Amino acid sequence: MTTTPNDSRTSELPPTIRGYLVAHAARDTDAALRAFTPTAVVVDDGTTYQGQQEIRRFLSRAGAEFSYTTELIAVQRLDDAHWVATHRLEGDFPGGVVHLDYRFAMAGDLVTELVIGT
């Protein structure tokens, strides 16, 4: 996977979310996991991962079967605790191109929930 983490839109996001996105793009599971609370939930492709152990499993497997590029194309702040980071992915997965919303819920400086979908 390649990414454009230095996109100017990235600066609009809280530091924790920026750190997560950079770590996830770099496949740095440990760094990405530090963004989450111990009881956080991630929902991706209809599967729910709850808690650090399951989220670690998600992070280590997410997108590993495909080659793709990702570009942050939009950032939306819904309120003080909710953010949406929209990415355009292009690669060798079915369909070839998709826009995914990464919907973050925050508690303080940590992610409590991440829902990934179209």
C-alpha atoms as a PDB file:
ATOM      1  CA  MET A   1       0.000   0.000   0.000  1.00  0.00           C
ATOM      2  CA  THR A   2       1.149   3.522  -0.698  1.00  0.00           C
ATOM      3  CA  THR A   3      -0.461   6.596   0.743  1.00  0.00           C
ATOM      4  CA  THR A   4      -0.331  10.362   0.748  1.00  0.00           C
ATOM      5  CA  PRO A   5      -0.186  11.079   4.504  1.00  0.00           C
ATOM      6  CA  ASN A   6       1.221  14.589   4.020  1.00  0.00           C
ATOM      7  CA  ASP A   7      -1.946  15.774   2.311  1.00  0.00           C
ATOM      8  CA  SER A   8      -2.907  19.231   3.621  1.00  0.00           C
ATOM      9  CA  ARG A   9      -6.243  17.828   4.806  1.00  0.00           C
ATOM     10  CA  THR A  10      -4.428  15.635   7.319  1.00  0.00           C
ATOM     11  CA  SER A  11      -3.634  18.695   9.447  1.00  0.00           C
ATOM     12  CA  GLU A  12      -7.368  19.206  10.013  1.00  0.00           C
ATOM     13  CA  LEU A  13      -7.548  15.942  11.980  1.00  0.00           C
ATOM     14  CA  PRO A  14      -6.732  15.460  15.673  1.00  0.00           C
ATOM     15  CA  PRO A  15      -3.174  14.200  16.307  1.00  0.00           C
ATOM     16  CA  THR A  16      -4.388  10.744  17.378  1.00  0.00           C
ATOM     17  CA  ILE A  17      -6.276  10.189  14.127  1.00  0.00           C
ATOM     18  CA  ARG A  18      -3.363  11.514  12.065  1.00  0.00           C
ATOM     19  CA  GLY A  19      -1.039   9.150  13.905  1.00  0.00           C
ATOM     20  CA  TYR A  20      -3.375   6.215  13.360  1.00  0.00           C
ATOM     21  CA  LEU A  21      -3.670   6.874   9.620  1.00  0.00           C
ATOM     22  CA  VAL A  22       0.095   7.180   9.158  1.00  0.00           C
ATOM     23  CA  ALA A  23       0.781   4.058  11.251  1.00  0.00           C
ATOM     24  CA  HIS A  24      -1.921   2.045   9.481  1.00  0.00           C
ATOM     25  CA  ALA A  25      -0.583   3.053   6.056  1.00  0.00           C
ATOM     26  CA  ALA A  26       2.914   2.024   7.173  1.00  0.00           C
ATOM     27  CA  ARG A  27       1.522  -1.309   8.469  1.00  0.00           C
ATOM     28  CA  ASP A  28       2.850  -0.402  11.958  1.00  0.00           C
ATOM     29  CA  THR A  29       0.335  -2.356  14.019  1.00  0.00           C
ATOM     30  CA  ASP A  30       1.760  -1.375  17.414  1.00  0.00           C
ATOM     31  CA  ALA A  31       1.693   2.352  16.650  1.00  0.00           C
ATOM     32  CA  ALA A  32      -1.800   2.158  15.132  1.00  0.00           C
ATOM     33  CA  LEU A  33      -3.116   0.226  18.136  1.00  0.00           C
ATOM     34  CA  ARG A  34      -1.967   2.979  20.521  1.00  0.00           C
ATOM     35  CA  ALA A  35      -4.694   5.221  19.087  1.00  0.00           C
ATOM     36  CA  PHE A  36      -7.463   3.077  20.621  1.00  0.00           C
ATOM     37  CA  THR A  37      -8.950   2.760  24.099  1.00  0.00           C
ATOM     38  CA  PRO A  38      -8.698  -0.724  25.671  1.00  0.00           C
ATOM     39  CA  THR A  39     -12.395  -1.370  24.941  1.00  0.00           C
ATOM     40  CA  ALA A  40     -12.562   0.291  21.520  1.00  0.00           C
ATOM     41  CA  VAL A  41     -14.578  -1.145  18.644  1.00  0.00           C
ATOM     42  CA  VAL A  42     -13.668  -1.297  14.953  1.00  0.00           C
ATOM     43  CA  VAL A  43     -16.249  -2.238  12.320  1.00  0.00           C
ATOM     44  CA  ASP A  44     -14.949  -3.061   8.847  1.00  0.00           C
ATOM     45  CA  ASP A  45     -16.651  -4.897   6.003  1.00  0.00           C
ATOM     46  CA  GLY A  46     -19.454  -6.095   8.287  1.00  0.00           C
ATOM     47  CA  THR A  47     -17.126  -7.535  10.930  1.00  0.00           C
ATOM     48  CA  THR A  48     -16.853  -6.080  14.437  1.00  0.00           C
ATOM     49  CA  TYR A  49     -13.573  -6.176  16.349  1.00  0.00           C
ATOM     50  CA  GLN A  50     -13.777  -5.285  20.035  1.00  0.00           C
ATOM     51  CA  GLY A  51     -10.889  -4.686  22.398  1.00  0.00           C
ATOM     52  CA  GLN A  52      -7.156  -4.453  21.840  1.00  0.00           C
ATOM     53  CA  GLN A  53      -6.577  -8.106  20.916  1.00  0.00           C
ATOM     54  CA  GLU A  54      -9.245  -8.202  18.188  1.00  0.00           C
ATOM     55  CA  ILE A  55      -8.266  -4.767  16.875  1.00  0.00           C
ATOM     56  CA  ARG A  56      -4.645  -5.925  16.665  1.00  0.00           C
ATOM     57  CA  ARG A  57      -5.856  -8.858  14.532  1.00  0.00           C
ATOM     58  CA  PHE A  58      -7.806  -6.467  12.301  1.00  0.00           C
ATOM     59  CA  LEU A  59      -4.814  -4.133  11.910  1.00  0.00           C
ATOM     60  CA  SER A  60      -2.444  -6.938  11.012  1.00  0.00           C
ATOM     61  CA  ARG A  61      -4.765  -8.306   8.312  1.00  0.00           C
ATOM     62  CA  ALA A  62      -6.593  -5.264   6.905  1.00  0.00           C
ATOM     63  CA  GLY A  63      -5.900  -4.939   3.205  1.00  0.00           C
ATOM     64  CA  ALA A  64      -2.943  -7.325   3.284  1.00  0.00           C
ATOM     65  CA  GLU A  65      -4.304  -9.461   0.449  1.00  0.00           C
ATOM     66  CA  PHE A  66      -4.337  -6.560  -2.043  1.00  0.00           C
ATOM     67  CA  SER A  67      -1.968  -3.965  -3.462  1.00  0.00           C
ATOM     68  CA  TYR A  68      -3.437  -0.480  -3.514  1.00  0.00           C
ATOM     69  CA  THR A  69      -2.827   3.222  -3.109  1.00  0.00           C
ATOM     70  CA  THR A  70      -4.813   5.442  -0.804  1.00  0.00           C
ATOM     71  CA  GLU A  71      -5.384   9.172  -0.808  1.00  0.00           C
ATOM     72  CA  LEU A  72      -7.130  11.253   1.844  1.00  0.00           C
ATOM     73  CA  ILE A  73      -9.714  13.234  -0.126  1.00  0.00           C
ATOM     74  CA  ALA A  74     -11.935  14.772   2.563  1.00  0.00           C
ATOM     75  CA  VAL A  75     -12.071  15.511   6.274  1.00  0.00           C
ATOM     76  CA  GLN A  76     -15.237  16.306   8.176  1.00  0.00           C
ATOM     77  CA  ARG A  77     -15.576  17.281  11.829  1.00  0.00           C
ATOM     78  CA  LEU A  78     -19.067  16.316  12.961  1.00  0.00           C
ATOM     79  CA  ASP A  79     -18.622  17.569  16.542  1.00  0.00           C
ATOM     80  CA  ASP A  80     -15.911  17.614  19.214  1.00  0.00           C
ATOM     81  CA  ALA A  81     -15.757  13.815  19.392  1.00  0.00           C
ATOM     82  CA  HIS A  82     -16.637  12.632  15.871  1.00  0.00           C
ATOM     83  CA  TRP A  83     -14.594  12.871  12.676  1.00  0.00           C
ATOM     84  CA  VAL A  84     -14.827  11.402   9.179  1.00  0.00           C
ATOM     85  CA  ALA A  85     -11.748  10.905   7.009  1.00  0.00           C
ATOM     86  CA  THR A  86     -12.660   9.887   3.457  1.00  0.00           C
ATOM     87  CA  HIS A  87     -10.042   7.993   1.462  1.00  0.00           C
ATOM     88  CA  ARG A  88      -9.892   7.026  -2.194  1.00  0.00           C
ATOM     89  CA  LEU A  89      -8.377   3.571  -2.650  1.00  0.00           C
ATOM     90  CA  GLU A  90      -7.246   2.267  -6.027  1.00  0.00           C
ATOM     91  CA  GLY A  91      -5.788  -1.188  -6.519  1.00  0.00           C
ATOM     92  CA  ASP A  92      -6.136  -4.825  -7.483  1.00  0.00           C
ATOM     93  CA  PHE A  93      -9.172  -5.531  -5.290  1.00  0.00           C
ATOM     94  CA  PRO A  94     -12.606  -6.253  -6.840  1.00  0.00           C
ATOM     95  CA  GLY A  95     -13.911  -3.059  -8.433  1.00  0.00           C
ATOM     96  CA  GLY A  96     -10.486  -1.420  -8.477  1.00  0.00           C
ATOM     97  CA  VAL A  97     -11.540   1.919  -6.933  1.00  0.00           C
ATOM     98  CA  VAL A  98     -13.497   2.735  -3.792  1.00  0.00           C
ATOM     99  CA  HIS A  99     -14.099   5.715  -1.530  1.00  0.00           C
ATOM    100  CA  LEU A 100     -14.095   4.678   2.122  1.00  0.00           C
ATOM    101  CA  ASP A 101     -15.234   6.735   5.087  1.00  0.00           C
ATOM    102  CA  TYR A 102     -13.263   6.188   8.273  1.00  0.00           C
ATOM    103  CA  ARG A 103     -15.710   7.340  10.974  1.00  0.00           C
ATOM    104  CA  PHE A 104     -13.911   8.001  14.248  1.00  0.00           C
ATOM    105  CA  ALA A 105     -15.487   8.479  17.682  1.00  0.00           C
ATOM    106  CA  MET A 106     -13.101   9.897  20.258  1.00  0.00           C
ATOM    107  CA  ALA A 107     -12.977   9.982  24.062  1.00  0.00           C
ATOM    108  CA  GLY A 108     -10.349  12.527  24.978  1.00  0.00           C
ATOM    109  CA  ASP A 109      -7.273  11.721  22.921  1.00  0.00           C
ATOM    110  CA  LEU A 110      -8.162   8.109  22.099  1.00  0.00           C
ATOM    111  CA  VAL A 111     -10.402   6.416  19.553  1.00  0.00           C
ATOM    112  CA  THR A 112     -13.375   4.572  21.056  1.00  0.00           C
ATOM    113  CA  GLU A 113     -14.902   3.510  17.752  1.00  0.00           C
ATOM    114  CA  LEU A 114     -13.850   3.323  14.118  1.00  0.00           C
ATOM    115  CA  VAL A 115     -16.394   2.367  11.478  1.00  0.00           C
ATOM    116  CA  ILE A 116     -15.032   1.892   7.959  1.00  0.00           C
ATOM    117  CA  GLY A 117     -17.423   1.817   5.032  1.00  0.00           C
ATOM    118  CA  THR A 118     -18.748   3.442   1.893  1.00  0.00           C
END
